[in-house]
């Protein structure tokens, strides 16, 4: 992934903060619709949208922190589902290893860095560091998605609950696939706002797309149909972003 700084204009400010800070959480407006479908993938898109409006170097850094945090949430959700799927199949040791290795990964990469004045690299150091960190998180996400889809290729057993769970697992994996496609499209696009707007339209229409494919309202097949529709919609949009 190209450095996050390449997509945001430089606006000099006085170095008034040092060290690592957490990006402020955006306050949802009452007029905005709430989304419960693919929340982690949408969270990444939203973080990029907020970063686009940065008007100071401090805001740019905070935006890069928030983007990293959103990617962390995606990675964690995929890892948790992989661990759960392994546990369903009686592979408790592997399930525990997935989460233990995830924590080791986060410990090694450390958190995204807040605005600081580096003695040698200046005020752009955190943006550069956060861009490199994002590369590592997305690479790990790609690996985890592949592992989840491999484990989830067959249901844990032949009961309806297992088939429902398999469909849900695929929807989680497809959130990761979408996120990877979105990041690649964003980083290579001359007009990043157009990529964000395309993703936003997708999420705005997503509830209707899913509902249109759910026939068993309240029945035992509804979870499978709902998760399957979500996974297919995410996969299709990921393909569209890749074009």
Foldseek 3Di string as FASTA:
>chain_A
DPFLVVQEDADEDPFPDAKFDAQDDDDDDPPDDDFDALVLLVQLLVLVVQLRPDDHLQSVLSSLLSNLVSLLVLQVLLLQLLLVLCVLLVNNVVSVVSVVVSVVLCVVLDGQGGFHQDPVPGRCVSSRSSRVSSVVSLVSLVVSLVSLCVSLVDFSDDDLVSLLSSLLSLLSSLSSLLNSLLVVLCVPDPDNVVSSVLVVVLSVCVVVQLVVQADQVVDSCRSNSNSNSSSVSSVVVSVVSND
